[in-house]
Amino acid sequence: MFEWMAWTTPVAVFFGCIGLMLGGMTVWEIKSPTALRRGFLPIETTRGDRLFIGLLAAAYINLAFVGLSGWMSEWLALETDPSIWISFVASMGLLAFIMRKG
């Protein structure tokens, strides 16, 4: 059923984290409804809005890293491509920042 996707450990962890975030946000929203607030983003957002924006940003970071990793390994004279864990940590850090300050 899942043969069409290259399910490596980082990919599975990334999608697992997204699933846990969506479940956690659902419970949090039921327990404590959100209100609009303004952070560094140019619009008033709810927690759900910030999660959506953060997930989009995380996806773009991971896609950019995968697309540029071959170039980075040549430019930095690495023997192998850089680990995808680097983009995972960076994307989750950006997501946490957007959720907190956005």
Protein backbone atom coordinates (compact mmCIF):
# COMPACT_ATOMS: atom_id res chain seq x y z
CA MET A 1 0.00 0.00 0.00
CA PHE A 2 2.82 2.43 0.83
CA GLU A 3 5.29 1.28 -1.84
CA TRP A 4 4.86 4.49 -3.84
CA MET A 5 6.62 6.55 -1.13
CA ALA A 6 10.24 6.37 -0.03
CA TRP A 7 9.50 5.82 3.67
CA THR A 8 12.78 6.53 5.36
CA THR A 9 12.97 7.08 9.10
CA PRO A 10 13.16 10.90 8.85
CA VAL A 11 10.12 10.98 6.54
CA ALA A 12 8.12 8.75 8.88
CA VAL A 13 9.11 10.87 11.91
CA PHE A 14 8.17 14.07 10.05
CA PHE A 15 4.70 12.80 9.15
CA GLY A 16 4.27 11.29 12.62
CA CYS A 17 5.02 14.68 14.18
CA ILE A 18 2.45 16.32 11.90
CA GLY A 19 -0.16 13.76 12.97
CA LEU A 20 0.64 14.29 16.65
CA MET A 21 0.45 18.07 16.21
CA LEU A 22 -2.95 17.86 14.53
CA GLY A 23 -4.29 15.59 17.27
CA GLY A 24 -2.83 17.78 20.01
CA MET A 25 -4.22 20.95 18.45
CA THR A 26 -7.67 19.36 18.21
CA VAL A 27 -7.68 18.47 21.90
CA TRP A 28 -6.26 21.90 22.84
CA GLU A 29 -8.94 23.68 20.78
CA ILE A 30 -11.72 21.65 22.44
CA LYS A 31 -10.36 22.33 25.93
CA SER A 32 -9.49 25.99 25.36
CA PRO A 33 -11.01 27.77 22.35
CA THR A 34 -8.64 30.18 20.67
CA ALA A 35 -8.92 33.92 20.12
CA LEU A 36 -7.45 36.09 17.38
CA ARG A 37 -4.10 37.68 18.19
CA ARG A 38 -1.46 39.59 16.35
CA GLY A 39 2.21 38.61 16.35
CA PHE A 40 4.95 39.23 13.81
CA LEU A 41 2.75 37.89 11.00
CA PRO A 42 0.98 40.71 9.14
CA ILE A 43 -2.49 39.33 9.98
CA GLU A 44 -4.44 38.40 13.09
CA THR A 45 -4.25 34.64 13.50
CA THR A 46 -5.61 31.81 15.61
CA ARG A 47 -3.59 28.81 16.76
CA GLY A 48 -4.92 26.83 13.81
CA ASP A 49 -3.87 29.55 11.35
CA ARG A 50 -0.37 29.62 12.81
CA LEU A 51 -0.16 25.81 12.67
CA PHE A 52 -1.17 25.83 8.99
CA ILE A 53 1.33 28.57 8.12
CA GLY A 54 4.04 26.77 10.12
CA LEU A 55 3.36 23.44 8.42
CA LEU A 56 3.58 25.08 5.00
CA ALA A 57 6.89 26.68 5.98
CA ALA A 58 8.18 23.33 7.31
CA ALA A 59 7.26 21.59 4.06
CA TYR A 60 9.00 24.26 1.99
CA ILE A 61 12.16 24.02 4.11
CA ASN A 62 12.26 20.24 3.69
CA LEU A 63 11.63 20.42 -0.06
CA ALA A 64 14.29 23.10 -0.51
CA PHE A 65 16.79 21.06 1.50
CA VAL A 66 16.15 17.94 -0.55
CA GLY A 67 16.47 19.94 -3.76
CA LEU A 68 19.68 21.68 -2.71
CA SER A 69 21.43 18.87 -0.82
CA GLY A 70 23.28 17.63 -3.91
CA TRP A 71 24.57 21.14 -4.62
CA MET A 72 25.54 21.57 -0.94
CA SER A 73 27.53 18.35 -0.91
CA GLU A 74 29.48 19.51 -3.98
CA TRP A 75 29.97 23.07 -2.73
CA LEU A 76 31.11 21.94 0.75
CA ALA A 77 33.12 19.02 -0.70
CA LEU A 78 31.22 16.43 1.34
CA GLU A 79 31.50 12.73 0.56
CA THR A 80 27.73 12.18 0.96
CA ASP A 81 24.65 14.36 0.91
CA PRO A 82 23.87 16.18 4.17
CA SER A 83 21.48 14.41 6.53
CA ILE A 84 17.79 15.15 6.13
CA TRP A 85 17.63 15.42 9.94
CA ILE A 86 19.13 18.90 9.55
CA SER A 87 16.09 20.14 7.65
CA PHE A 88 13.75 18.31 10.02
CA VAL A 89 15.20 20.10 13.05
CA ALA A 90 15.22 23.45 11.22
CA SER A 91 11.62 23.07 10.04
CA MET A 92 10.34 22.03 13.48
CA GLY A 93 12.21 24.96 15.03
CA LEU A 94 10.59 27.38 12.57
CA LEU A 95 7.19 25.81 13.22
CA ALA A 96 7.63 26.26 16.98
CA PHE A 97 8.71 29.88 16.45
CA ILE A 98 5.68 30.65 14.28
CA MET A 99 3.34 28.98 16.76
CA ARG A 100 4.82 30.95 19.66
CA LYS A 101 5.49 34.39 18.18
CA GLY A 102 3.41 34.46 14.98
